[in-house]
Amino acid sequence: MKAKKSSFDFETSLKKLEQIVATMEQGNLSLEESLKMFQEGIALTKKCQEAISNVEQQVMILVDDHLEDFNAQTENSNEHSPSASL
């Protein structure tokens, strides 16, 4: 079964955010255009931060699961090693 593809594309959003910054840094926009681009940039920043936070949570879950498996394996191997009975 294929996983659902999120409608949010982090890389595309990040590129768009970089374009907004570059355009605003040129200083050729009207006040209204600058405000509109700033608002769009803030919205993209929030979405990117949410995506990063979600990925960080997923990584922490995977790491925790892996560490639990590793610790269980280590405990089992220590119980069967000759030095464990000394």
Protein backbone atom coordinates (compact mmCIF):
# COMPACT_ATOMS: atom_id res chain seq x y z
CA MET A 1 0.00 0.00 0.00
CA LYS A 2 1.37 3.44 -0.91
CA ALA A 3 1.54 6.15 1.68
CA LYS A 4 -0.49 9.26 1.05
CA LYS A 5 1.57 12.06 -0.44
CA SER A 6 1.19 15.23 1.53
CA SER A 7 -0.17 18.23 -0.34
CA PHE A 8 2.63 20.27 1.22
CA ASP A 9 5.96 20.07 -0.59
CA PHE A 10 8.73 21.27 1.72
CA GLU A 11 11.40 21.73 -0.95
CA THR A 12 9.10 23.69 -3.26
CA SER A 13 7.96 25.88 -0.38
CA LEU A 14 11.53 26.53 0.68
CA LYS A 15 12.49 27.56 -2.87
CA LYS A 16 9.47 29.87 -3.02
CA LEU A 17 10.49 31.40 0.30
CA GLU A 18 14.01 31.99 -1.04
CA GLN A 19 12.51 33.67 -4.12
CA ILE A 20 10.38 35.93 -1.93
CA VAL A 21 13.41 36.96 0.12
CA ALA A 22 15.48 37.66 -3.01
CA THR A 23 12.69 39.72 -4.56
CA MET A 24 12.15 41.73 -1.39
CA GLU A 25 15.88 42.34 -0.98
CA GLN A 26 15.97 44.01 -4.40
CA GLY A 27 13.82 46.81 -2.97
CA ASN A 28 11.80 47.36 -6.14
CA LEU A 29 8.38 46.50 -4.71
CA SER A 30 5.66 48.88 -3.68
CA LEU A 31 4.60 48.92 -0.06
CA GLU A 32 1.50 46.88 -0.89
CA GLU A 33 3.50 44.31 -2.87
CA SER A 34 6.07 44.09 -0.09
CA LEU A 35 3.38 43.48 2.51
CA LYS A 36 1.72 40.82 0.36
CA MET A 37 5.03 39.01 -0.18
CA PHE A 38 5.91 39.33 3.50
CA GLN A 39 2.59 37.73 4.48
CA GLU A 40 3.17 34.91 1.99
CA GLY A 41 6.67 34.42 3.37
CA ILE A 42 5.42 34.24 6.94
CA ALA A 43 2.78 31.65 5.96
CA LEU A 44 5.41 29.55 4.14
CA THR A 45 7.77 29.82 7.10
CA LYS A 46 5.10 28.53 9.48
CA LYS A 47 4.30 25.60 7.17
CA CYS A 48 8.00 24.73 6.82
CA GLN A 49 8.50 24.91 10.59
CA GLU A 50 5.50 22.61 11.12
CA ALA A 51 6.87 20.13 8.57
CA ILE A 52 10.29 20.16 10.26
CA SER A 53 8.68 19.66 13.66
CA ASN A 54 6.67 16.68 12.35
CA VAL A 55 9.77 15.09 10.87
CA GLU A 56 11.70 15.64 14.12
CA GLN A 57 8.93 13.85 16.03
CA GLN A 58 9.01 10.94 13.59
CA VAL A 59 12.80 10.68 13.91
CA MET A 60 12.59 10.71 17.70
CA ILE A 61 10.01 7.91 17.62
CA LEU A 62 12.21 5.85 15.31
CA VAL A 63 15.31 6.47 17.41
CA ASP A 64 13.48 5.59 20.63
CA ASP A 65 12.15 2.37 19.08
CA HIS A 66 15.60 1.47 17.79
CA LEU A 67 17.22 2.16 21.16
CA GLU A 68 14.66 -0.02 22.92
CA ASP A 69 15.39 -2.86 20.48
CA PHE A 70 19.13 -2.33 20.90
CA ASN A 71 18.88 -2.30 24.70
CA ALA A 72 16.80 -5.49 24.68
CA GLN A 73 19.34 -7.20 22.41
CA THR A 74 22.21 -6.04 24.61
CA GLU A 75 20.51 -7.33 27.76
CA ASN A 76 19.83 -10.69 26.11
CA SER A 77 23.40 -11.07 24.90
CA ASN A 78 24.77 -10.14 28.35
CA GLU A 79 22.62 -12.80 30.00
CA HIS A 80 24.15 -15.46 27.74
CA SER A 81 27.76 -14.30 27.87
CA PRO A 82 30.29 -16.14 30.10
CA SER A 83 31.20 -12.95 31.97
CA ALA A 84 27.59 -12.47 33.04
CA SER A 85 27.78 -15.50 35.33
CA LEU A 86 30.95 -14.33 37.13
